[in-house]
């Protein structure tokens, strides 16, 4: 897998992260990780977290998106966004490395 192109984070995702952090007692980063599991083989783990020493840190307006070095190849050239629809609101990953994904968009295969 090519890891030369880091993921991109949309302005909408950073704006939502600002809104979330305004409700917390201290700012946290948005961790986007890839783990084994899910109905398609891999799944995204998206949560608030503090940075680790080896994280790739994507920053804008004082907000950070964190990606660990193991997950980075799986997220090369992906786009991290925020979706606010009638069925719910969530951070999403549009991943060109995924050959298929499940209906919920949380798990994928390569």
PDB file of N, CA and C in Angstrom:
ATOM      1  N   UNK A   1       0.830  -1.185   0.000  1.00  0.00           N
ATOM      2  CA  UNK A   1       0.000   0.000   0.000  1.00  0.00           C
ATOM      3  C   UNK A   1       0.870   1.241   0.000  1.00  0.00           C
ATOM      4  N   UNK A   2       0.454   2.233  -0.751  1.00  0.00           N
ATOM      5  CA  UNK A   2       1.184   3.482  -0.853  1.00  0.00           C
ATOM      6  C   UNK A   2       0.796   4.395   0.304  1.00  0.00           C
ATOM      7  N   UNK A   3       1.772   4.831   1.077  1.00  0.00           N
ATOM      8  CA  UNK A   3       1.477   5.737   2.199  1.00  0.00           C
ATOM      9  C   UNK A   3       1.986   7.140   1.922  1.00  0.00           C
ATOM     10  N   UNK A   4       2.315   7.420   0.664  1.00  0.00           N
ATOM     11  CA  UNK A   4       2.899   8.713   0.335  1.00  0.00           C
ATOM     12  C   UNK A   4       1.882   9.846   0.363  1.00  0.00           C
ATOM     13  N   UNK A   5       0.604   9.551   0.272  1.00  0.00           N
ATOM     14  CA  UNK A   5      -0.424  10.594   0.268  1.00  0.00           C
ATOM     15  C   UNK A   5      -1.217  10.500   1.571  1.00  0.00           C
ATOM     16  N   UNK A   6      -0.984  11.431   2.495  1.00  0.00           N
ATOM     17  CA  UNK A   6      -1.716  11.355   3.762  1.00  0.00           C
ATOM     18  C   UNK A   6      -3.206  11.630   3.552  1.00  0.00           C
ATOM     19  N   UNK A   7      -4.022  11.209   4.501  1.00  0.00           N
ATOM     20  CA  UNK A   7      -5.456  11.494   4.387  1.00  0.00           C
ATOM     21  C   UNK A   7      -5.715  12.998   4.432  1.00  0.00           C
ATOM     22  N   UNK A   8      -6.853  13.378   3.908  1.00  0.00           N
ATOM     23  CA  UNK A   8      -7.289  14.778   3.957  1.00  0.00           C
ATOM     24  C   UNK A   8      -8.467  14.862   4.919  1.00  0.00           C
ATOM     25  N   UNK A   9      -8.577  15.986   5.594  1.00  0.00           N
ATOM     26  CA  UNK A   9      -9.691  16.227   6.507  1.00  0.00           C
ATOM     27  C   UNK A   9     -10.441  17.447   5.990  1.00  0.00           C
ATOM     28  N   UNK A  10     -11.746  17.319   5.821  1.00  0.00           N
ATOM     29  CA  UNK A  10     -12.541  18.433   5.296  1.00  0.00           C
ATOM     30  C   UNK A  10     -12.717  19.522   6.338  1.00  0.00           C
ATOM     31  N   UNK A  11     -13.016  20.718   5.847  1.00  0.00           N
ATOM     32  CA  UNK A  11     -13.307  21.837   6.745  1.00  0.00           C
ATOM     33  C   UNK A  11     -14.512  21.520   7.627  1.00  0.00           C
ATOM     34  N   UNK A  12     -15.497  20.832   7.060  1.00  0.00           N
ATOM     35  CA  UNK A  12     -16.703  20.465   7.815  1.00  0.00           C
ATOM     36  C   UNK A  12     -16.349  19.569   9.002  1.00  0.00           C
ATOM     37  N   UNK A  13     -15.426  18.626   8.803  1.00  0.00           N
ATOM     38  CA  UNK A  13     -15.002  17.751   9.902  1.00  0.00           C
ATOM     39  C   UNK A  13     -14.280  18.550  10.985  1.00  0.00           C
ATOM     40  N   UNK A  14     -13.403  19.461  10.577  1.00  0.00           N
ATOM     41  CA  UNK A  14     -12.709  20.290  11.571  1.00  0.00           C
ATOM     42  C   UNK A  14     -13.695  21.186  12.321  1.00  0.00           C
ATOM     43  N   UNK A  15     -14.687  21.759  11.618  1.00  0.00           N
ATOM     44  CA  UNK A  15     -15.696  22.603  12.288  1.00  0.00           C
ATOM     45  C   UNK A  15     -16.470  21.803  13.332  1.00  0.00           C
ATOM     46  N   UNK A  16     -16.847  20.572  12.994  1.00  0.00           N
ATOM     47  CA  UNK A  16     -17.582  19.736  13.959  1.00  0.00           C
ATOM     48  C   UNK A  16     -16.702  19.394  15.151  1.00  0.00           C
ATOM     49  N   UNK A  17     -15.421  19.167  14.916  1.00  0.00           N
ATOM     50  CA  UNK A  17     -14.501  18.884  16.014  1.00  0.00           C
ATOM     51  C   UNK A  17     -14.372  20.089  16.935  1.00  0.00           C
ATOM     52  N   UNK A  18     -14.380  21.298  16.381  1.00  0.00           N
ATOM     53  CA  UNK A  18     -14.381  22.516  17.207  1.00  0.00           C
ATOM     54  C   UNK A  18     -15.621  22.532  18.083  1.00  0.00           C
ATOM     55  N   UNK A  19     -16.789  22.258  17.493  1.00  0.00           N
ATOM     56  CA  UNK A  19     -18.052  22.254  18.252  1.00  0.00           C
ATOM     57  C   UNK A  19     -18.011  21.227  19.384  1.00  0.00           C
ATOM     58  N   UNK A  20     -17.508  20.046  19.100  1.00  0.00           N
ATOM     59  CA  UNK A  20     -17.428  19.002  20.124  1.00  0.00           C
ATOM     60  C   UNK A  20     -16.506  19.433  21.252  1.00  0.00           C
ATOM     61  N   UNK A  21     -15.350  19.976  20.900  1.00  0.00           N
ATOM     62  CA  UNK A  21     -14.373  20.361  21.916  1.00  0.00           C
ATOM     63  C   UNK A  21     -14.850  21.522  22.772  1.00  0.00           C
ATOM     64  N   UNK A  22     -15.763  22.337  22.276  1.00  0.00           N
ATOM     65  CA  UNK A  22     -16.310  23.431  23.072  1.00  0.00           C
ATOM     66  C   UNK A  22     -17.137  22.912  24.250  1.00  0.00           C
ATOM     67  N   UNK A  23     -17.573  21.669  24.182  1.00  0.00           N
ATOM     68  CA  UNK A  23     -18.376  21.094  25.264  1.00  0.00           C
ATOM     69  C   UNK A  23     -17.525  20.343  26.286  1.00  0.00           C
ATOM     70  N   UNK A  24     -16.222  20.212  26.016  1.00  0.00           N
ATOM     71  CA  UNK A  24     -15.334  19.446  26.888  1.00  0.00           C
ATOM     72  C   UNK A  24     -14.528  20.362  27.791  1.00  0.00           C
ATOM     73  N   UNK A  25     -13.976  19.797  28.868  1.00  0.00           N
ATOM     74  CA  UNK A  25     -13.156  20.599  29.768  1.00  0.00           C
ATOM     75  C   UNK A  25     -11.753  20.857  29.213  1.00  0.00           C
ATOM     76  N   UNK A  26     -11.324  20.061  28.225  1.00  0.00           N
ATOM     77  CA  UNK A  26     -10.041  20.285  27.546  1.00  0.00           C
ATOM     78  C   UNK A  26     -10.135  19.730  26.130  1.00  0.00           C
ATOM     79  N   UNK A  27      -9.362  20.321  25.243  1.00  0.00           N
ATOM     80  CA  UNK A  27      -9.410  19.913  23.833  1.00  0.00           C
ATOM     81  C   UNK A  27      -8.836  18.513  23.651  1.00  0.00           C
ATOM     82  N   UNK A  28      -9.474  17.763  22.807  1.00  0.00           N
ATOM     83  CA  UNK A  28      -9.024  16.402  22.461  1.00  0.00           C
ATOM     84  C   UNK A  28      -8.954  16.316  20.947  1.00  0.00           C
ATOM     85  N   UNK A  29      -8.112  15.418  20.464  1.00  0.00           N
ATOM     86  CA  UNK A  29      -8.009  15.185  19.032  1.00  0.00           C
ATOM     87  C   UNK A  29      -8.996  14.117  18.590  1.00  0.00           C
ATOM     88  N   UNK A  30      -9.247  14.081  17.297  1.00  0.00           N
ATOM     89  CA  UNK A  30     -10.094  13.042  16.721  1.00  0.00           C
ATOM     90  C   UNK A  30      -9.184  11.946  16.186  1.00  0.00           C
ATOM     91  N   UNK A  31      -9.216  10.779  16.811  1.00  0.00           N
ATOM     92  CA  UNK A  31      -8.403   9.659  16.363  1.00  0.00           C
ATOM     93  C   UNK A  31      -9.183   8.860  15.328  1.00  0.00           C
ATOM     94  N   UNK A  32      -8.539   8.632  14.177  1.00  0.00           N
ATOM     95  CA  UNK A  32      -9.101   7.784  13.126  1.00  0.00           C
ATOM     96  C   UNK A  32      -8.126   6.626  12.956  1.00  0.00           C
ATOM     97  N   UNK A  33      -8.579   5.439  13.296  1.00  0.00           N
ATOM     98  CA  UNK A  33      -7.722   4.255  13.241  1.00  0.00           C
ATOM     99  C   UNK A  33      -8.415   3.155  12.458  1.00  0.00           C
ATOM    100  N   UNK A  34      -7.612   2.210  11.990  1.00  0.00           N
ATOM    101  CA  UNK A  34      -8.127   1.034  11.294  1.00  0.00           C
ATOM    102  C   UNK A  34      -7.763  -0.185  12.131  1.00  0.00           C
ATOM    103  N   UNK A  35      -8.756  -1.031  12.374  1.00  0.00           N
ATOM    104  CA  UNK A  35      -8.550  -2.250  13.157  1.00  0.00           C
ATOM    105  C   UNK A  35      -9.096  -3.443  12.384  1.00  0.00           C
ATOM    106  N   UNK A  36      -8.597  -4.612  12.699  1.00  0.00           N
ATOM    107  CA  UNK A  36      -9.158  -5.831  12.124  1.00  0.00           C
ATOM    108  C   UNK A  36     -10.526  -6.079  12.721  1.00  0.00           C
ATOM    109  N   UNK A  37     -11.435  -6.595  11.912  1.00  0.00           N
ATOM    110  CA  UNK A  37     -12.774  -6.918  12.411  1.00  0.00           C
ATOM    111  C   UNK A  37     -13.847  -6.341  11.519  1.00  0.00           C
ATOM    112  N   UNK A  38     -15.041  -6.296  12.033  1.00  0.00           N
ATOM    113  CA  UNK A  38     -16.165  -5.813  11.247  1.00  0.00           C
ATOM    114  C   UNK A  38     -16.627  -6.867  10.262  1.00  0.00           C
ATOM    115  N   UNK A  39     -17.696  -6.592   9.566  1.00  0.00           N
ATOM    116  CA  UNK A  39     -18.258  -7.583   8.657  1.00  0.00           C
ATOM    117  C   UNK A  39     -17.490  -7.680   7.348  1.00  0.00           C
ATOM    118  N   UNK A  40     -16.568  -6.756   7.083  1.00  0.00           N
ATOM    119  CA  UNK A  40     -15.819  -6.789   5.823  1.00  0.00           C
ATOM    120  C   UNK A  40     -14.317  -7.021   6.002  1.00  0.00           C
ATOM    121  N   UNK A  41     -13.854  -7.243   7.222  1.00  0.00           N
ATOM    122  CA  UNK A  41     -12.436  -7.539   7.443  1.00  0.00           C
ATOM    123  C   UNK A  41     -11.694  -6.480   8.227  1.00  0.00           C
ATOM    124  N   UNK A  42     -11.954  -5.203   7.947  1.00  0.00           N
ATOM    125  CA  UNK A  42     -11.365  -4.093   8.684  1.00  0.00           C
ATOM    126  C   UNK A  42     -12.489  -3.165   9.111  1.00  0.00           C
ATOM    127  N   UNK A  43     -12.229  -2.400  10.168  1.00  0.00           N
ATOM    128  CA  UNK A  43     -13.224  -1.423  10.599  1.00  0.00           C
ATOM    129  C   UNK A  43     -12.528  -0.165  11.088  1.00  0.00           C
ATOM    130  N   UNK A  44     -13.234   0.956  10.995  1.00  0.00           N
ATOM    131  CA  UNK A  44     -12.714   2.229  11.477  1.00  0.00           C
ATOM    132  C   UNK A  44     -13.041   2.380  12.955  1.00  0.00           C
ATOM    133  N   UNK A  45     -12.091   2.913  13.686  1.00  0.00           N
ATOM    134  CA  UNK A  45     -12.292   3.282  15.086  1.00  0.00           C
ATOM    135  C   UNK A  45     -12.101   4.790  15.136  1.00  0.00           C
ATOM    136  N   UNK A  46     -13.192   5.523  15.348  1.00  0.00           N
ATOM    137  CA  UNK A  46     -13.150   6.982  15.370  1.00  0.00           C
ATOM    138  C   UNK A  46     -13.601   7.430  16.752  1.00  0.00           C
ATOM    139  N   UNK A  47     -12.697   8.132  17.446  1.00  0.00           N
ATOM    140  CA  UNK A  47     -12.991   8.550  18.820  1.00  0.00           C
ATOM    141  C   UNK A  47     -12.128   9.735  19.203  1.00  0.00           C
ATOM    142  N   UNK A  48     -12.483  10.376  20.302  1.00  0.00           N
ATOM    143  CA  UNK A  48     -11.665  11.450  20.841  1.00  0.00           C
ATOM    144  C   UNK A  48     -10.510  10.844  21.612  1.00  0.00           C
ATOM    145  N   UNK A  49      -9.323  11.442  21.469  1.00  0.00           N
ATOM    146  CA  UNK A  49      -8.147  10.866  22.104  1.00  0.00           C
ATOM    147  C   UNK A  49      -7.065  11.933  22.220  1.00  0.00           C
ATOM    148  N   UNK A  50      -6.027  11.610  22.973  1.00  0.00           N
ATOM    149  CA  UNK A  50      -4.843  12.450  23.074  1.00  0.00           C
ATOM    150  C   UNK A  50      -3.789  11.912  22.110  1.00  0.00           C
ATOM    151  N   UNK A  51      -2.909  12.781  21.611  1.00  0.00           N
ATOM    152  CA  UNK A  51      -1.902  12.313  20.654  1.00  0.00           C
ATOM    153  C   UNK A  51      -0.871  11.397  21.294  1.00  0.00           C
ATOM    154  N   UNK A  52      -0.388  10.448  20.509  1.00  0.00           N
ATOM    155  CA  UNK A  52       0.729   9.584  20.897  1.00  0.00           C
ATOM    156  C   UNK A  52       1.969  10.090  20.158  1.00  0.00           C
ATOM    157  N   UNK A  53       3.126   9.680  20.616  1.00  0.00           N
ATOM    158  CA  UNK A  53       4.381  10.172  20.050  1.00  0.00           C
ATOM    159  C   UNK A  53       4.533   9.891  18.564  1.00  0.00           C
ATOM    160  N   UNK A  54       4.027   8.760  18.085  1.00  0.00           N
ATOM    161  CA  UNK A  54       4.247   8.392  16.689  1.00  0.00           C
ATOM    162  C   UNK A  54       3.053   8.672  15.777  1.00  0.00           C
ATOM    163  N   UNK A  55       2.081   9.443  16.237  1.00  0.00           N
ATOM    164  CA  UNK A  55       0.908   9.767  15.423  1.00  0.00           C
ATOM    165  C   UNK A  55       1.246  10.752  14.306  1.00  0.00           C
ATOM    166  N   UNK A  56       0.571  10.597  13.178  1.00  0.00           N
ATOM    167  CA  UNK A  56       0.512  11.658  12.192  1.00  0.00           C
ATOM    168  C   UNK A  56      -0.547  12.619  12.717  1.00  0.00           C
ATOM    169  N   UNK A  57      -0.216  13.896  12.802  1.00  0.00           N
ATOM    170  CA  UNK A  57      -1.139  14.894  13.335  1.00  0.00           C
ATOM    171  C   UNK A  57      -1.504  15.854  12.210  1.00  0.00           C
ATOM    172  N   UNK A  58      -2.789  15.900  11.871  1.00  0.00           N
ATOM    173  CA  UNK A  58      -3.317  16.845  10.894  1.00  0.00           C
ATOM    174  C   UNK A  58      -4.013  17.943  11.685  1.00  0.00           C
ATOM    175  N   UNK A  59      -3.656  19.193  11.422  1.00  0.00           N
ATOM    176  CA  UNK A  59      -4.095  20.285  12.283  1.00  0.00           C
ATOM    177  C   UNK A  59      -4.743  21.414  11.489  1.00  0.00           C
ATOM    178  N   UNK A  60      -5.767  22.022  12.102  1.00  0.00           N
ATOM    179  CA  UNK A  60      -6.380  23.227  11.554  1.00  0.00           C
ATOM    180  C   UNK A  60      -7.152  23.919  12.669  1.00  0.00           C
ATOM    181  N   UNK A  61      -7.006  25.224  12.765  1.00  0.00           N
ATOM    182  CA  UNK A  61      -7.733  26.037  13.747  1.00  0.00           C
ATOM    183  C   UNK A  61      -7.574  25.503  15.165  1.00  0.00           C
ATOM    184  N   UNK A  62      -6.392  24.980  15.488  1.00  0.00           N
ATOM    185  CA  UNK A  62      -6.135  24.458  16.825  1.00  0.00           C
ATOM    186  C   UNK A  62      -6.703  23.076  17.089  1.00  0.00           C
ATOM    187  N   UNK A  63      -7.370  22.493  16.106  1.00  0.00           N
ATOM    188  CA  UNK A  63      -7.925  21.150  16.251  1.00  0.00           C
ATOM    189  C   UNK A  63      -6.996  20.150  15.576  1.00  0.00           C
ATOM    190  N   UNK A  64      -6.998  18.913  16.082  1.00  0.00           N
ATOM    191  CA  UNK A  64      -6.109  17.894  15.531  1.00  0.00           C
ATOM    192  C   UNK A  64      -6.869  16.614  15.192  1.00  0.00           C
ATOM    193  N   UNK A  65      -6.458  15.997  14.094  1.00  0.00           N
ATOM    194  CA  UNK A  65      -6.903  14.657  13.735  1.00  0.00           C
ATOM    195  C   UNK A  65      -5.665  13.783  13.837  1.00  0.00           C
ATOM    196  N   UNK A  66      -5.791  12.669  14.537  1.00  0.00           N
ATOM    197  CA  UNK A  66      -4.663  11.801  14.871  1.00  0.00           C
ATOM    198  C   UNK A  66      -4.784  10.475  14.130  1.00  0.00           C
ATOM    199  N   UNK A  67      -3.680  10.050  13.516  1.00  0.00           N
ATOM    200  CA  UNK A  67      -3.671   8.760  12.829  1.00  0.00           C
ATOM    201  C   UNK A  67      -2.396   8.031  13.230  1.00  0.00           C
ATOM    202  N   UNK A  68      -2.551   6.841  13.780  1.00  0.00           N
ATOM    203  CA  UNK A  68      -1.386   6.073  14.201  1.00  0.00           C
ATOM    204  C   UNK A  68      -0.657   5.514  12.977  1.00  0.00           C
ATOM    205  N   UNK A  69       0.602   5.200  13.146  1.00  0.00           N
ATOM    206  CA  UNK A  69       1.455   4.756  12.035  1.00  0.00           C
ATOM    207  C   UNK A  69       0.997   3.422  11.430  1.00  0.00           C
ATOM    208  N   UNK A  70       0.373   2.558  12.219  1.00  0.00           N
ATOM    209  CA  UNK A  70      -0.110   1.283  11.689  1.00  0.00           C
ATOM    210  C   UNK A  70      -1.306   1.514  10.761  1.00  0.00           C
ATOM    211  N   UNK A  71      -2.176   2.457  11.110  1.00  0.00           N
ATOM    212  CA  UNK A  71      -3.378   2.737  10.313  1.00  0.00           C
ATOM    213  C   UNK A  71      -3.087   3.568   9.075  1.00  0.00           C
ATOM    214  N   UNK A  72      -1.992   4.299   9.089  1.00  0.00           N
ATOM    215  CA  UNK A  72      -1.698   5.244   8.011  1.00  0.00           C
ATOM    216  C   UNK A  72      -1.714   4.626   6.609  1.00  0.00           C
ATOM    217  N   UNK A  73      -1.098   3.471   6.363  1.00  0.00           N
ATOM    218  CA  UNK A  73      -1.150   2.918   4.996  1.00  0.00           C
ATOM    219  C   UNK A  73      -2.569   2.605   4.526  1.00  0.00           C
ATOM    220  N   UNK A  74      -3.449   2.226   5.435  1.00  0.00           N
ATOM    221  CA  UNK A  74      -4.831   1.904   5.082  1.00  0.00           C
ATOM    222  C   UNK A  74      -5.639   3.157   4.753  1.00  0.00           C
ATOM    223  N   UNK A  75      -5.158   4.318   5.213  1.00  0.00           N
ATOM    224  CA  UNK A  75      -5.884   5.569   5.036  1.00  0.00           C
ATOM    225  C   UNK A  75      -5.226   6.507   4.035  1.00  0.00           C
ATOM    226  N   UNK A  76      -4.247   6.004   3.292  1.00  0.00           N
ATOM    227  CA  UNK A  76      -3.572   6.832   2.301  1.00  0.00           C
ATOM    228  C   UNK A  76      -4.584   7.385   1.296  1.00  0.00           C
ATOM    229  N   UNK A  77      -4.557   8.695   1.123  1.00  0.00           N
ATOM    230  CA  UNK A  77      -5.411   9.398   0.163  1.00  0.00           C
ATOM    231  C   UNK A  77      -6.903   9.357   0.519  1.00  0.00           C
ATOM    232  N   UNK A  78      -7.237   8.958   1.727  1.00  0.00           N
ATOM    233  CA  UNK A  78      -8.645   8.948   2.168  1.00  0.00           C
ATOM    234  C   UNK A  78      -9.093  10.368   2.513  1.00  0.00           C
ATOM    235  N   UNK A  79     -10.399  10.553   2.607  1.00  0.00           N
ATOM    236  CA  UNK A  79     -10.966  11.837   3.007  1.00  0.00           C
ATOM    237  C   UNK A  79     -11.816  11.611   4.251  1.00  0.00           C
ATOM    238  N   UNK A  80     -11.494  12.335   5.307  1.00  0.00           N
ATOM    239  CA  UNK A  80     -12.244  12.265   6.565  1.00  0.00           C
ATOM    240  C   UNK A  80     -13.191  13.454   6.581  1.00  0.00           C
ATOM    241  N   UNK A  81     -14.467  13.174   6.744  1.00  0.00           N
ATOM    242  CA  UNK A  81     -15.502  14.209   6.644  1.00  0.00           C
ATOM    243  C   UNK A  81     -16.481  14.047   7.797  1.00  0.00           C
ATOM    244  N   UNK A  82     -17.444  14.953   7.878  1.00  0.00           N
ATOM    245  CA  UNK A  82     -18.530  14.839   8.842  1.00  0.00           C
ATOM    246  C   UNK A  82     -19.834  14.899   8.077  1.00  0.00           C
ATOM    247  N   UNK A  83     -20.722  13.957   8.356  1.00  0.00           N
ATOM    248  CA  UNK A  83     -22.001  13.863   7.684  1.00  0.00           C
ATOM    249  C   UNK A  83     -23.122  14.103   8.692  1.00  0.00           C
ATOM    250  N   UNK A  84     -24.028  14.996   8.347  1.00  0.00           N
ATOM    251  CA  UNK A  84     -25.177  15.293   9.203  1.00  0.00           C
ATOM    252  C   UNK A  84     -26.433  15.090   8.367  1.00  0.00           C
ATOM    253  N   UNK A  85     -27.038  13.899   8.491  1.00  0.00           N
ATOM    254  CA  UNK A  85     -28.188  13.534   7.687  1.00  0.00           C
ATOM    255  C   UNK A  85     -29.364  13.159   8.574  1.00  0.00           C
ATOM    256  N   UNK A  86     -30.502  12.928   7.969  1.00  0.00           N
ATOM    257  CA  UNK A  86     -31.687  12.527   8.731  1.00  0.00           C
ATOM    258  C   UNK A  86     -31.463  11.243   9.517  1.00  0.00           C
ATOM    259  N   UNK A  87     -30.652  10.331   8.968  1.00  0.00           N
ATOM    260  CA  UNK A  87     -30.427   9.047   9.647  1.00  0.00           C
ATOM    261  C   UNK A  87     -29.393   9.151  10.760  1.00  0.00           C
ATOM    262  N   UNK A  88     -28.738  10.307  10.881  1.00  0.00           N
ATOM    263  CA  UNK A  88     -27.784  10.497  11.962  1.00  0.00           C
ATOM    264  C   UNK A  88     -26.579  11.315  11.540  1.00  0.00           C
ATOM    265  N   UNK A  89     -25.804  11.698  12.524  1.00  0.00           N
ATOM    266  CA  UNK A  89     -24.590  12.477  12.307  1.00  0.00           C
ATOM    267  C   UNK A  89     -23.387  11.646  12.696  1.00  0.00           C
ATOM    268  N   UNK A  90     -22.319  11.741  11.890  1.00  0.00           N
ATOM    269  CA  UNK A  90     -21.126  10.969  12.212  1.00  0.00           C
ATOM    270  C   UNK A  90     -19.959  11.438  11.357  1.00  0.00           C
ATOM    271  N   UNK A  91     -18.764  11.131  11.829  1.00  0.00           N
ATOM    272  CA  UNK A  91     -17.572  11.308  11.014  1.00  0.00           C
ATOM    273  C   UNK A  91     -17.524  10.147  10.037  1.00  0.00           C
ATOM    274  N   UNK A  92     -17.118  10.426   8.808  1.00  0.00           N
ATOM    275  CA  UNK A  92     -17.064   9.408   7.769  1.00  0.00           C
ATOM    276  C   UNK A  92     -15.678   9.358   7.146  1.00  0.00           C
ATOM    277  N   UNK A  93     -15.363   8.226   6.536  1.00  0.00           N
ATOM    278  CA  UNK A  93     -14.100   8.058   5.828  1.00  0.00           C
ATOM    279  C   UNK A  93     -14.426   7.595   4.414  1.00  0.00           C
ATOM    280  N   UNK A  94     -14.004   8.372   3.439  1.00  0.00           N
ATOM    281  CA  UNK A  94     -14.101   7.972   2.037  1.00  0.00           C
ATOM    282  C   UNK A  94     -12.712   7.453   1.666  1.00  0.00           C
ATOM    283  N   UNK A  95     -12.620   6.143   1.471  1.00  0.00           N
ATOM    284  CA  UNK A  95     -11.325   5.495   1.360  1.00  0.00           C
ATOM    285  C   UNK A  95     -11.138   4.848  -0.014  1.00  0.00           C
ATOM    286  N   UNK A  96     -10.260   5.413  -0.853  1.00  0.00           N
ATOM    287  CA  UNK A  96     -10.046   4.828  -2.182  1.00  0.00           C
ATOM    288  C   UNK A  96      -9.325   3.477  -2.134  1.00  0.00           C
ATOM    289  N   UNK A  97      -8.766   3.101  -0.985  1.00  0.00           N
ATOM    290  CA  UNK A  97      -8.078   1.823  -0.839  1.00  0.00           C
ATOM    291  C   UNK A  97      -9.045   0.669  -0.594  1.00  0.00           C
ATOM    292  N   UNK A  98     -10.277   0.980  -0.215  1.00  0.00           N
ATOM    293  CA  UNK A  98     -11.268  -0.049   0.102  1.00  0.00           C
ATOM    294  C   UNK A  98     -11.871  -0.601  -1.191  1.00  0.00           C
ATOM    295  N   UNK A  99     -11.830  -1.924  -1.348  1.00  0.00           N
ATOM    296  CA  UNK A  99     -12.434  -2.537  -2.533  1.00  0.00           C
ATOM    297  C   UNK A  99     -13.932  -2.746  -2.338  1.00  0.00           C
ATOM    298  N   UNK A 100     -14.366  -2.841  -1.081  1.00  0.00           N
ATOM    299  CA  UNK A 100     -15.794  -2.939  -0.770  1.00  0.00           C
ATOM    300  C   UNK A 100     -15.993  -2.480   0.663  1.00  0.00           C
ATOM    301  N   UNK A 101     -17.221  -2.127   0.981  1.00  0.00           N
ATOM    302  CA  UNK A 101     -17.526  -1.725   2.350  1.00  0.00           C
ATOM    303  C   UNK A 101     -18.933  -2.188   2.697  1.00  0.00           C
ATOM    304  N   UNK A 102     -19.210  -2.201   3.986  1.00  0.00           N
ATOM    305  CA  UNK A 102     -20.532  -2.640   4.430  1.00  0.00           C
ATOM    306  C   UNK A 102     -21.515  -1.478   4.303  1.00  0.00           C
ATOM    307  N   UNK A 103     -22.769  -1.760   4.489  1.00  0.00           N
ATOM    308  CA  UNK A 103     -23.803  -0.741   4.353  1.00  0.00           C
ATOM    309  C   UNK A 103     -23.688   0.393   5.350  1.00  0.00           C
ATOM    310  N   UNK A 104     -23.157   0.113   6.526  1.00  0.00           N
ATOM    311  CA  UNK A 104     -23.071   1.162   7.545  1.00  0.00           C
ATOM    312  C   UNK A 104     -21.862   2.073   7.334  1.00  0.00           C
ATOM    313  N   UNK A 105     -20.908   1.677   6.494  1.00  0.00           N
ATOM    314  CA  UNK A 105     -19.739   2.486   6.210  1.00  0.00           C
ATOM    315  C   UNK A 105     -18.652   2.403   7.253  1.00  0.00           C
ATOM    316  N   UNK A 106     -18.789   1.523   8.227  1.00  0.00           N
ATOM    317  CA  UNK A 106     -17.805   1.405   9.288  1.00  0.00           C
ATOM    318  C   UNK A 106     -16.759   0.345   8.981  1.00  0.00           C
ATOM    319  N   UNK A 107     -17.120  -0.692   8.232  1.00  0.00           N
ATOM    320  CA  UNK A 107     -16.134  -1.729   7.928  1.00  0.00           C
ATOM    321  C   UNK A 107     -15.911  -1.794   6.419  1.00  0.00           C
ATOM    322  N   UNK A 108     -14.731  -2.318   6.052  1.00  0.00           N
ATOM    323  CA  UNK A 108     -14.356  -2.367   4.649  1.00  0.00           C
ATOM    324  C   UNK A 108     -13.366  -3.504   4.420  1.00  0.00           C
ATOM    325  N   UNK A 109     -13.142  -3.826   3.143  1.00  0.00           N
ATOM    326  CA  UNK A 109     -12.117  -4.803   2.781  1.00  0.00           C
ATOM    327  C   UNK A 109     -11.196  -4.166   1.765  1.00  0.00           C
ATOM    328  N   UNK A 110     -10.019  -4.751   1.643  1.00  0.00           N
ATOM    329  CA  UNK A 110      -9.022  -4.225   0.696  1.00  0.00           C
ATOM    330  C   UNK A 110      -8.931  -5.112  -0.527  1.00  0.00           C
TER     331      UNK A 110
END
